[in-house]
């Protein structure tokens, strides 16, 4: 018998690329702490960041950014000194100034409307402002004040802090006598409904009668009383809208019928509608009514 031939060994298949190599696991070695560990990340980077931030803070709070200039813009002839004093920000750091607090302080100057306050680097504060517009004069037992459309007292018209050409007169705005008012201060408020009624009366009348209304008297109890240069006072009470419009129509009807002239009256009461009346009362002979 012939011996069996041995099978040749299988030739290993070729693979593309480098053969995989087994990684040997390295045992973890706990590093021993030394003082040199302090110089390893991230401590050096953190220290550098602290130094940079500290330098920036020192630069930002340096005198370079102390407020040295307060600029007032928005309108000509604004009271720069008054606004600068009210600002109270000269010498303060420009980054640490709360602009809302500056606006509140500037509100002390009641006759000025501050529209905006902003900073300009390195040392300038800009105040954008304008004069408030007075729409009426409010007379009290001691003085006469200019007031705006919201009823805020702007200043004493007899000692104004503004140029005389900006002070209103009775030829340009209505004047109202507050029966229970004495001394007022800028920023204080008078009844806005009195202003609305006075404007409604002046705007609701026509012709010669409208031009004759030259002053008003206000009481929170009885309301508005209007004086006509033709020689009488008219009580309108506390009415606006349709109620006031009806009373104005009644007054014009009485005027056209010569009721006041025929009865020689100096006081017209429109409160008891539909039956108004007029008569003569000695207390209404004064320039501002009873007590004047």
C-alpha atoms as a PDB file:
ATOM      1  CA  UNK A   1       0.000   0.000   0.000  1.00  0.00           C
ATOM      2  CA  UNK A   2       1.066   3.461  -0.788  1.00  0.00           C
ATOM      3  CA  UNK A   3       1.293   5.854   2.136  1.00  0.00           C
ATOM      4  CA  UNK A   4      -1.244   8.670   2.228  1.00  0.00           C
ATOM      5  CA  UNK A   5       0.087  11.968   1.054  1.00  0.00           C
ATOM      6  CA  UNK A   6      -0.021  14.709   3.700  1.00  0.00           C
ATOM      7  CA  UNK A   7      -2.364  17.616   3.016  1.00  0.00           C
ATOM      8  CA  UNK A   8      -0.619  20.860   2.470  1.00  0.00           C
ATOM      9  CA  UNK A   9      -1.210  23.514   5.101  1.00  0.00           C
ATOM     10  CA  UNK A  10      -3.818  26.160   4.164  1.00  0.00           C
ATOM     11  CA  UNK A  11      -2.294  29.375   2.987  1.00  0.00           C
ATOM     12  CA  UNK A  12      -3.583  32.285   5.110  1.00  0.00           C
ATOM     13  CA  UNK A  13      -5.679  34.832   3.268  1.00  0.00           C
ATOM     14  CA  UNK A  14      -4.068  38.109   2.645  1.00  0.00           C
ATOM     15  CA  UNK A  15      -5.783  41.147   4.195  1.00  0.00           C
ATOM     16  CA  UNK A  16      -5.568  44.693   3.072  1.00  0.00           C
ATOM     17  CA  UNK A  17      -3.884  47.224   5.281  1.00  0.00           C
ATOM     18  CA  UNK A  18      -1.871  46.727   8.384  1.00  0.00           C
ATOM     19  CA  UNK A  19      -2.752  43.804  10.613  1.00  0.00           C
ATOM     20  CA  UNK A  20      -4.516  44.619  13.862  1.00  0.00           C
ATOM     21  CA  UNK A  21      -2.221  44.954  16.756  1.00  0.00           C
ATOM     22  CA  UNK A  22      -3.349  44.136  20.201  1.00  0.00           C
ATOM     23  CA  UNK A  23      -2.968  46.961  22.686  1.00  0.00           C
ATOM     24  CA  UNK A  24      -1.411  46.186  25.908  1.00  0.00           C
ATOM     25  CA  UNK A  25      -3.183  47.519  28.918  1.00  0.00           C
ATOM     26  CA  UNK A  26      -1.005  49.731  30.955  1.00  0.00           C
ATOM     27  CA  UNK A  27      -1.623  49.706  34.635  1.00  0.00           C
ATOM     28  CA  UNK A  28      -2.799  53.014  36.084  1.00  0.00           C
ATOM     29  CA  UNK A  29      -0.213  54.710  38.129  1.00  0.00           C
ATOM     30  CA  UNK A  30      -1.376  57.291  40.680  1.00  0.00           C
ATOM     31  CA  UNK A  31       0.686  60.373  40.296  1.00  0.00           C
ATOM     32  CA  UNK A  32       2.316  61.676  43.356  1.00  0.00           C
ATOM     33  CA  UNK A  33       1.369  65.276  44.237  1.00  0.00           C
ATOM     34  CA  UNK A  34       4.195  67.785  44.240  1.00  0.00           C
ATOM     35  CA  UNK A  35       4.418  71.574  44.250  1.00  0.00           C
ATOM     36  CA  UNK A  36       5.094  71.438  40.543  1.00  0.00           C
ATOM     37  CA  UNK A  37       1.508  70.239  40.078  1.00  0.00           C
ATOM     38  CA  UNK A  38       0.396  73.840  40.631  1.00  0.00           C
ATOM     39  CA  UNK A  39       2.044  74.806  37.361  1.00  0.00           C
ATOM     40  CA  UNK A  40       0.026  72.291  35.401  1.00  0.00           C
ATOM     41  CA  UNK A  41      -3.278  73.174  33.643  1.00  0.00           C
ATOM     42  CA  UNK A  42      -5.838  74.571  34.395  1.00  0.00           C
ATOM     43  CA  UNK A  43      -4.446  76.619  37.279  1.00  0.00           C
ATOM     44  CA  UNK A  44      -2.056  78.756  35.171  1.00  0.00           C
ATOM     45  CA  UNK A  45      -4.871  79.657  32.771  1.00  0.00           C
ATOM     46  CA  UNK A  46      -7.186  80.502  35.659  1.00  0.00           C
ATOM     47  CA  UNK A  47      -4.570  82.717  37.253  1.00  0.00           C
ATOM     48  CA  UNK A  48      -4.011  84.486  33.940  1.00  0.00           C
ATOM     49  CA  UNK A  49      -7.766  85.073  33.593  1.00  0.00           C
ATOM     50  CA  UNK A  50      -7.950  86.559  37.087  1.00  0.00           C
ATOM     51  CA  UNK A  51      -5.076  88.892  36.277  1.00  0.00           C
ATOM     52  CA  UNK A  52      -6.702  90.016  33.012  1.00  0.00           C
ATOM     53  CA  UNK A  53     -10.097  90.636  34.620  1.00  0.00           C
ATOM     54  CA  UNK A  54      -8.524  92.503  37.497  1.00  0.00           C
ATOM     55  CA  UNK A  55      -6.630  94.700  35.082  1.00  0.00           C
ATOM     56  CA  UNK A  56      -9.806  95.447  33.122  1.00  0.00           C
ATOM     57  CA  UNK A  57     -11.690  96.348  36.301  1.00  0.00           C
ATOM     58  CA  UNK A  58      -8.898  98.621  37.462  1.00  0.00           C
ATOM     59  CA  UNK A  59      -8.871 100.356  34.077  1.00  0.00           C
ATOM     60  CA  UNK A  60     -12.674 100.691  33.915  1.00  0.00           C
ATOM     61  CA  UNK A  61     -12.829 102.254  37.388  1.00  0.00           C
ATOM     62  CA  UNK A  62      -9.898 104.575  36.798  1.00  0.00           C
ATOM     63  CA  UNK A  63     -10.321 108.405  36.611  1.00  0.00           C
ATOM     64  CA  UNK A  64     -10.293 108.098  32.835  1.00  0.00           C
ATOM     65  CA  UNK A  65     -13.989 107.143  32.991  1.00  0.00           C
ATOM     66  CA  UNK A  66     -15.064 109.637  35.652  1.00  0.00           C
ATOM     67  CA  UNK A  67     -17.910 111.836  34.351  1.00  0.00           C
ATOM     68  CA  UNK A  68     -16.490 115.252  33.512  1.00  0.00           C
ATOM     69  CA  UNK A  69     -19.017 116.615  30.976  1.00  0.00           C
ATOM     70  CA  UNK A  70     -22.830 116.805  31.105  1.00  0.00           C
ATOM     71  CA  UNK A  71     -24.232 117.790  27.724  1.00  0.00           C
ATOM     72  CA  UNK A  72     -27.814 119.023  27.364  1.00  0.00           C
ATOM     73  CA  UNK A  73     -29.437 118.679  23.933  1.00  0.00           C
ATOM     74  CA  UNK A  74     -32.923 118.754  22.438  1.00  0.00           C
ATOM     75  CA  UNK A  75     -33.919 122.416  22.540  1.00  0.00           C
ATOM     76  CA  UNK A  76     -32.337 125.853  22.656  1.00  0.00           C
ATOM     77  CA  UNK A  77     -31.842 127.804  25.893  1.00  0.00           C
ATOM     78  CA  UNK A  78     -32.373 124.849  28.219  1.00  0.00           C
ATOM     79  CA  UNK A  79     -31.308 125.389  31.862  1.00  0.00           C
ATOM     80  CA  UNK A  80     -27.966 123.565  31.703  1.00  0.00           C
ATOM     81  CA  UNK A  81     -26.896 124.448  35.239  1.00  0.00           C
ATOM     82  CA  UNK A  82     -30.183 123.340  36.792  1.00  0.00           C
ATOM     83  CA  UNK A  83     -30.033 119.999  34.990  1.00  0.00           C
ATOM     84  CA  UNK A  84     -26.369 119.481  35.856  1.00  0.00           C
ATOM     85  CA  UNK A  85     -27.078 120.063  39.539  1.00  0.00           C
ATOM     86  CA  UNK A  86     -30.100 117.755  39.476  1.00  0.00           C
ATOM     87  CA  UNK A  87     -28.071 115.042  37.692  1.00  0.00           C
ATOM     88  CA  UNK A  88     -25.604 114.660  40.594  1.00  0.00           C
ATOM     89  CA  UNK A  89     -23.307 112.595  38.414  1.00  0.00           C
ATOM     90  CA  UNK A  90     -20.135 114.687  37.971  1.00  0.00           C
ATOM     91  CA  UNK A  91     -17.090 112.680  39.066  1.00  0.00           C
ATOM     92  CA  UNK A  92     -18.965 109.368  39.161  1.00  0.00           C
ATOM     93  CA  UNK A  93     -17.746 106.393  37.170  1.00  0.00           C
ATOM     94  CA  UNK A  94     -19.584 106.259  33.857  1.00  0.00           C
ATOM     95  CA  UNK A  95     -19.980 102.464  33.987  1.00  0.00           C
ATOM     96  CA  UNK A  96     -21.494 102.486  37.469  1.00  0.00           C
ATOM     97  CA  UNK A  97     -24.087 105.234  36.886  1.00  0.00           C
ATOM     98  CA  UNK A  98     -27.704 103.920  36.821  1.00  0.00           C
ATOM     99  CA  UNK A  99     -29.382 105.936  34.060  1.00  0.00           C
ATOM    100  CA  UNK A 100     -32.874 105.322  35.462  1.00  0.00           C
ATOM    101  CA  UNK A 101     -31.822 106.915  38.753  1.00  0.00           C
ATOM    102  CA  UNK A 102     -30.507 109.949  36.841  1.00  0.00           C
ATOM    103  CA  UNK A 103     -33.894 110.335  35.111  1.00  0.00           C
ATOM    104  CA  UNK A 104     -35.672 110.261  38.469  1.00  0.00           C
ATOM    105  CA  UNK A 105     -33.388 112.968  39.826  1.00  0.00           C
ATOM    106  CA  UNK A 106     -33.879 115.114  36.732  1.00  0.00           C
ATOM    107  CA  UNK A 107     -37.645 114.919  37.257  1.00  0.00           C
ATOM    108  CA  UNK A 108     -37.141 117.427  40.096  1.00  0.00           C
ATOM    109  CA  UNK A 109     -36.875 120.082  37.404  1.00  0.00           C
ATOM    110  CA  UNK A 110     -40.617 119.977  36.794  1.00  0.00           C
ATOM    111  CA  UNK A 111     -40.755 122.396  33.872  1.00  0.00           C
ATOM    112  CA  UNK A 112     -38.359 120.211  31.844  1.00  0.00           C
ATOM    113  CA  UNK A 113     -39.327 116.946  30.149  1.00  0.00           C
ATOM    114  CA  UNK A 114     -36.355 114.571  29.963  1.00  0.00           C
ATOM    115  CA  UNK A 115     -36.838 112.278  26.987  1.00  0.00           C
ATOM    116  CA  UNK A 116     -33.610 110.265  27.285  1.00  0.00           C
ATOM    117  CA  UNK A 117     -30.307 110.003  29.157  1.00  0.00           C
ATOM    118  CA  UNK A 118     -27.330 108.140  27.721  1.00  0.00           C
ATOM    119  CA  UNK A 119     -23.558 107.863  28.174  1.00  0.00           C
ATOM    120  CA  UNK A 120     -20.767 108.625  25.731  1.00  0.00           C
ATOM    121  CA  UNK A 121     -17.315 107.251  26.460  1.00  0.00           C
ATOM    122  CA  UNK A 122     -15.060 108.083  28.070  1.00  0.00           C
ATOM    123  CA  UNK A 123     -16.541 110.747  30.373  1.00  0.00           C
ATOM    124  CA  UNK A 124     -19.727 112.349  28.972  1.00  0.00           C
ATOM    125  CA  UNK A 125     -23.406 112.119  29.948  1.00  0.00           C
ATOM    126  CA  UNK A 126     -25.948 113.388  27.404  1.00  0.00           C
ATOM    127  CA  UNK A 127     -29.401 114.626  28.500  1.00  0.00           C
ATOM    128  CA  UNK A 128     -32.044 114.904  25.787  1.00  0.00           C
ATOM    129  CA  UNK A 129     -34.719 117.288  27.085  1.00  0.00           C
ATOM    130  CA  UNK A 130     -37.230 119.971  26.178  1.00  0.00           C
ATOM    131  CA  UNK A 131     -39.468 122.476  27.931  1.00  0.00           C
ATOM    132  CA  UNK A 132     -42.878 121.259  29.045  1.00  0.00           C
ATOM    133  CA  UNK A 133     -45.724 123.187  27.451  1.00  0.00           C
ATOM    134  CA  UNK A 134     -47.937 125.104  29.900  1.00  0.00           C
ATOM    135  CA  UNK A 135     -51.589 124.987  28.873  1.00  0.00           C
ATOM    136  CA  UNK A 136     -53.186 126.975  31.680  1.00  0.00           C
ATOM    137  CA  UNK A 137     -52.584 129.286  34.618  1.00  0.00           C
ATOM    138  CA  UNK A 138     -53.716 128.123  38.054  1.00  0.00           C
ATOM    139  CA  UNK A 139     -54.376 130.937  40.486  1.00  0.00           C
ATOM    140  CA  UNK A 140     -54.401 130.443  44.250  1.00  0.00           C
ATOM    141  CA  UNK A 141     -54.820 132.749  47.200  1.00  0.00           C
ATOM    142  CA  UNK A 142     -51.064 133.450  47.198  1.00  0.00           C
ATOM    143  CA  UNK A 143     -49.745 133.185  43.632  1.00  0.00           C
ATOM    144  CA  UNK A 144     -50.333 132.035  40.036  1.00  0.00           C
ATOM    145  CA  UNK A 145     -48.733 128.913  38.574  1.00  0.00           C
ATOM    146  CA  UNK A 146     -48.175 127.517  35.084  1.00  0.00           C
ATOM    147  CA  UNK A 147     -49.533 123.973  34.673  1.00  0.00           C
ATOM    148  CA  UNK A 148     -49.329 121.425  31.858  1.00  0.00           C
ATOM    149  CA  UNK A 149     -52.070 119.327  30.295  1.00  0.00           C
ATOM    150  CA  UNK A 150     -51.829 116.653  32.998  1.00  0.00           C
ATOM    151  CA  UNK A 151     -52.339 119.190  35.758  1.00  0.00           C
ATOM    152  CA  UNK A 152     -48.721 119.217  36.924  1.00  0.00           C
ATOM    153  CA  UNK A 153     -47.475 122.484  38.363  1.00  0.00           C
ATOM    154  CA  UNK A 154     -44.447 123.644  36.357  1.00  0.00           C
ATOM    155  CA  UNK A 155     -43.397 126.874  38.102  1.00  0.00           C
ATOM    156  CA  UNK A 156     -44.572 130.063  39.765  1.00  0.00           C
ATOM    157  CA  UNK A 157     -45.546 132.365  36.913  1.00  0.00           C
ATOM    158  CA  UNK A 158     -44.763 135.423  39.047  1.00  0.00           C
ATOM    159  CA  UNK A 159     -41.177 134.254  39.569  1.00  0.00           C
ATOM    160  CA  UNK A 160     -40.485 132.005  36.569  1.00  0.00           C
ATOM    161  CA  UNK A 161     -37.243 130.038  36.069  1.00  0.00           C
ATOM    162  CA  UNK A 162     -37.631 130.382  32.287  1.00  0.00           C
ATOM    163  CA  UNK A 163     -37.404 133.265  29.836  1.00  0.00           C
ATOM    164  CA  UNK A 164     -40.354 135.657  30.009  1.00  0.00           C
ATOM    165  CA  UNK A 165     -41.341 134.915  26.427  1.00  0.00           C
ATOM    166  CA  UNK A 166     -42.026 131.298  27.498  1.00  0.00           C
ATOM    167  CA  UNK A 167     -44.352 132.273  30.368  1.00  0.00           C
ATOM    168  CA  UNK A 168     -48.043 131.972  29.390  1.00  0.00           C
ATOM    169  CA  UNK A 169     -50.476 134.843  29.842  1.00  0.00           C
ATOM    170  CA  UNK A 170     -54.246 135.094  30.137  1.00  0.00           C
ATOM    171  CA  UNK A 171     -54.368 136.129  26.484  1.00  0.00           C
ATOM    172  CA  UNK A 172     -52.937 132.755  25.399  1.00  0.00           C
ATOM    173  CA  UNK A 173     -54.203 130.242  27.995  1.00  0.00           C
ATOM    174  CA  UNK A 174     -57.180 130.050  30.383  1.00  0.00           C
ATOM    175  CA  UNK A 175     -56.736 131.019  34.018  1.00  0.00           C
ATOM    176  CA  UNK A 176     -58.466 129.033  36.766  1.00  0.00           C
ATOM    177  CA  UNK A 177     -58.821 130.081  40.393  1.00  0.00           C
ATOM    178  CA  UNK A 178     -58.513 127.153  42.796  1.00  0.00           C
ATOM    179  CA  UNK A 179     -60.729 128.090  45.707  1.00  0.00           C
ATOM    180  CA  UNK A 180     -59.080 125.801  48.258  1.00  0.00           C
ATOM    181  CA  UNK A 181     -55.469 126.082  47.061  1.00  0.00           C
ATOM    182  CA  UNK A 182     -52.751 128.222  48.621  1.00  0.00           C
ATOM    183  CA  UNK A 183     -49.037 127.689  48.003  1.00  0.00           C
ATOM    184  CA  UNK A 184     -48.071 125.034  45.440  1.00  0.00           C
ATOM    185  CA  UNK A 185     -44.686 123.571  44.501  1.00  0.00           C
ATOM    186  CA  UNK A 186     -43.388 122.406  41.115  1.00  0.00           C
ATOM    187  CA  UNK A 187     -44.321 118.800  40.491  1.00  0.00           C
ATOM    188  CA  UNK A 188     -47.514 119.030  42.501  1.00  0.00           C
ATOM    189  CA  UNK A 189     -50.768 118.385  40.642  1.00  0.00           C
ATOM    190  CA  UNK A 190     -54.038 120.266  40.316  1.00  0.00           C
ATOM    191  CA  UNK A 191     -57.341 118.605  39.236  1.00  0.00           C
ATOM    192  CA  UNK A 192     -57.046 117.602  35.587  1.00  0.00           C
ATOM    193  CA  UNK A 193     -60.859 117.526  35.255  1.00  0.00           C
ATOM    194  CA  UNK A 194     -60.925 121.260  35.895  1.00  0.00           C
ATOM    195  CA  UNK A 195     -58.608 121.777  32.927  1.00  0.00           C
ATOM    196  CA  UNK A 196     -60.698 119.509  30.705  1.00  0.00           C
ATOM    197  CA  UNK A 197     -63.893 121.340  31.617  1.00  0.00           C
ATOM    198  CA  UNK A 198     -62.341 124.773  31.028  1.00  0.00           C
ATOM    199  CA  UNK A 199     -61.131 123.759  27.566  1.00  0.00           C
ATOM    200  CA  UNK A 200     -64.492 122.186  26.769  1.00  0.00           C
ATOM    201  CA  UNK A 201     -66.331 125.385  27.732  1.00  0.00           C
ATOM    202  CA  UNK A 202     -64.060 127.574  25.647  1.00  0.00           C
ATOM    203  CA  UNK A 203     -64.306 125.212  22.706  1.00  0.00           C
ATOM    204  CA  UNK A 204     -68.058 124.603  22.985  1.00  0.00           C
ATOM    205  CA  UNK A 205     -69.251 128.224  22.855  1.00  0.00           C
ATOM    206  CA  UNK A 206     -69.437 130.349  19.751  1.00  0.00           C
ATOM    207  CA  UNK A 207     -69.165 133.933  18.605  1.00  0.00           C
ATOM    208  CA  UNK A 208     -69.044 136.853  21.007  1.00  0.00           C
ATOM    209  CA  UNK A 209     -70.058 134.696  23.959  1.00  0.00           C
ATOM    210  CA  UNK A 210     -67.063 132.394  23.482  1.00  0.00           C
ATOM    211  CA  UNK A 211     -64.657 135.352  23.324  1.00  0.00           C
ATOM    212  CA  UNK A 212     -66.106 136.867  26.477  1.00  0.00           C
ATOM    213  CA  UNK A 213     -65.104 133.987  28.792  1.00  0.00           C
ATOM    214  CA  UNK A 214     -61.984 135.335  30.500  1.00  0.00           C
ATOM    215  CA  UNK A 215     -61.549 133.335  33.751  1.00  0.00           C
ATOM    216  CA  UNK A 216     -62.710 130.289  35.677  1.00  0.00           C
ATOM    217  CA  UNK A 217     -63.269 129.344  39.290  1.00  0.00           C
ATOM    218  CA  UNK A 218     -62.922 125.748  40.505  1.00  0.00           C
ATOM    219  CA  UNK A 219     -64.151 123.979  43.589  1.00  0.00           C
ATOM    220  CA  UNK A 220     -64.085 120.189  44.071  1.00  0.00           C
ATOM    221  CA  UNK A 221     -67.520 120.541  45.681  1.00  0.00           C
ATOM    222  CA  UNK A 222     -69.472 122.774  43.285  1.00  0.00           C
ATOM    223  CA  UNK A 223     -67.346 122.311  40.161  1.00  0.00           C
ATOM    224  CA  UNK A 224     -66.499 124.856  37.477  1.00  0.00           C
ATOM    225  CA  UNK A 225     -67.788 128.409  37.276  1.00  0.00           C
ATOM    226  CA  UNK A 226     -66.969 130.550  34.220  1.00  0.00           C
ATOM    227  CA  UNK A 227     -66.853 134.341  34.139  1.00  0.00           C
ATOM    228  CA  UNK A 228     -67.944 136.351  31.133  1.00  0.00           C
ATOM    229  CA  UNK A 229     -66.549 139.789  30.466  1.00  0.00           C
ATOM    230  CA  UNK A 230     -70.148 140.743  29.652  1.00  0.00           C
ATOM    231  CA  UNK A 231     -70.838 140.816  33.375  1.00  0.00           C
ATOM    232  CA  UNK A 232     -71.908 137.457  34.845  1.00  0.00           C
ATOM    233  CA  UNK A 233     -70.716 134.128  36.252  1.00  0.00           C
ATOM    234  CA  UNK A 234     -72.101 130.772  35.064  1.00  0.00           C
ATOM    235  CA  UNK A 235     -72.094 127.613  37.185  1.00  0.00           C
ATOM    236  CA  UNK A 236     -71.521 124.451  35.087  1.00  0.00           C
ATOM    237  CA  UNK A 237     -71.009 122.058  37.981  1.00  0.00           C
ATOM    238  CA  UNK A 238     -69.100 118.793  37.564  1.00  0.00           C
ATOM    239  CA  UNK A 239     -70.081 117.766  34.067  1.00  0.00           C
ATOM    240  CA  UNK A 240     -68.321 116.702  30.891  1.00  0.00           C
ATOM    241  CA  UNK A 241     -69.401 115.180  27.600  1.00  0.00           C
ATOM    242  CA  UNK A 242     -73.082 115.351  26.684  1.00  0.00           C
ATOM    243  CA  UNK A 243     -74.146 116.868  30.025  1.00  0.00           C
ATOM    244  CA  UNK A 244     -71.801 119.791  29.530  1.00  0.00           C
ATOM    245  CA  UNK A 245     -72.775 120.206  25.873  1.00  0.00           C
ATOM    246  CA  UNK A 246     -76.458 120.559  26.856  1.00  0.00           C
ATOM    247  CA  UNK A 247     -75.591 123.234  29.410  1.00  0.00           C
ATOM    248  CA  UNK A 248     -73.575 125.171  26.852  1.00  0.00           C
ATOM    249  CA  UNK A 249     -76.537 125.148  24.479  1.00  0.00           C
ATOM    250  CA  UNK A 250     -78.818 126.411  27.253  1.00  0.00           C
ATOM    251  CA  UNK A 251     -76.381 129.233  28.061  1.00  0.00           C
ATOM    252  CA  UNK A 252     -76.201 130.305  24.418  1.00  0.00           C
ATOM    253  CA  UNK A 253     -79.998 130.289  24.245  1.00  0.00           C
ATOM    254  CA  UNK A 254     -80.246 132.505  27.328  1.00  0.00           C
ATOM    255  CA  UNK A 255     -77.616 134.856  25.905  1.00  0.00           C
ATOM    256  CA  UNK A 256     -79.404 135.172  22.571  1.00  0.00           C
ATOM    257  CA  UNK A 257     -82.691 135.828  24.409  1.00  0.00           C
ATOM    258  CA  UNK A 258     -80.962 138.612  26.445  1.00  0.00           C
ATOM    259  CA  UNK A 259     -82.030 136.847  29.637  1.00  0.00           C
ATOM    260  CA  UNK A 260     -79.051 138.091  31.680  1.00  0.00           C
ATOM    261  CA  UNK A 261     -79.479 141.658  30.462  1.00  0.00           C
ATOM    262  CA  UNK A 262     -83.224 141.744  31.005  1.00  0.00           C
ATOM    263  CA  UNK A 263     -83.008 140.361  34.531  1.00  0.00           C
ATOM    264  CA  UNK A 264     -79.852 142.305  35.420  1.00  0.00           C
ATOM    265  CA  UNK A 265     -78.293 139.199  36.908  1.00  0.00           C
ATOM    266  CA  UNK A 266     -74.642 138.467  37.606  1.00  0.00           C
ATOM    267  CA  UNK A 267     -74.976 134.741  38.357  1.00  0.00           C
ATOM    268  CA  UNK A 268     -76.408 131.998  36.106  1.00  0.00           C
ATOM    269  CA  UNK A 269     -77.030 128.565  37.607  1.00  0.00           C
ATOM    270  CA  UNK A 270     -77.241 125.752  35.037  1.00  0.00           C
ATOM    271  CA  UNK A 271     -77.358 122.936  37.587  1.00  0.00           C
ATOM    272  CA  UNK A 272     -81.158 122.737  38.000  1.00  0.00           C
ATOM    273  CA  UNK A 273     -81.786 121.809  34.344  1.00  0.00           C
ATOM    274  CA  UNK A 274     -84.219 121.917  32.666  1.00  0.00           C
ATOM    275  CA  UNK A 275     -85.030 124.982  34.754  1.00  0.00           C
ATOM    276  CA  UNK A 276     -81.904 127.181  34.949  1.00  0.00           C
ATOM    277  CA  UNK A 277     -82.153 130.574  36.545  1.00  0.00           C
ATOM    278  CA  UNK A 278     -80.185 133.787  36.833  1.00  0.00           C
ATOM    279  CA  UNK A 279     -80.249 136.428  39.555  1.00  0.00           C
ATOM    280  CA  UNK A 280     -78.129 139.049  41.209  1.00  0.00           C
ATOM    281  CA  UNK A 281     -75.925 137.969  44.111  1.00  0.00           C
ATOM    282  CA  UNK A 282     -73.618 140.439  45.855  1.00  0.00           C
ATOM    283  CA  UNK A 283     -71.049 137.749  46.651  1.00  0.00           C
ATOM    284  CA  UNK A 284     -70.304 137.370  42.929  1.00  0.00           C
ATOM    285  CA  UNK A 285     -69.337 140.986  42.469  1.00  0.00           C
ATOM    286  CA  UNK A 286     -65.646 140.331  43.189  1.00  0.00           C
ATOM    287  CA  UNK A 287     -63.132 139.650  40.408  1.00  0.00           C
ATOM    288  CA  UNK A 288     -62.845 135.974  41.456  1.00  0.00           C
ATOM    289  CA  UNK A 289     -66.254 135.436  43.017  1.00  0.00           C
ATOM    290  CA  UNK A 290     -67.077 134.908  46.686  1.00  0.00           C
ATOM    291  CA  UNK A 291     -64.268 135.775  49.078  1.00  0.00           C
ATOM    292  CA  UNK A 292     -62.255 137.805  46.574  1.00  0.00           C
END
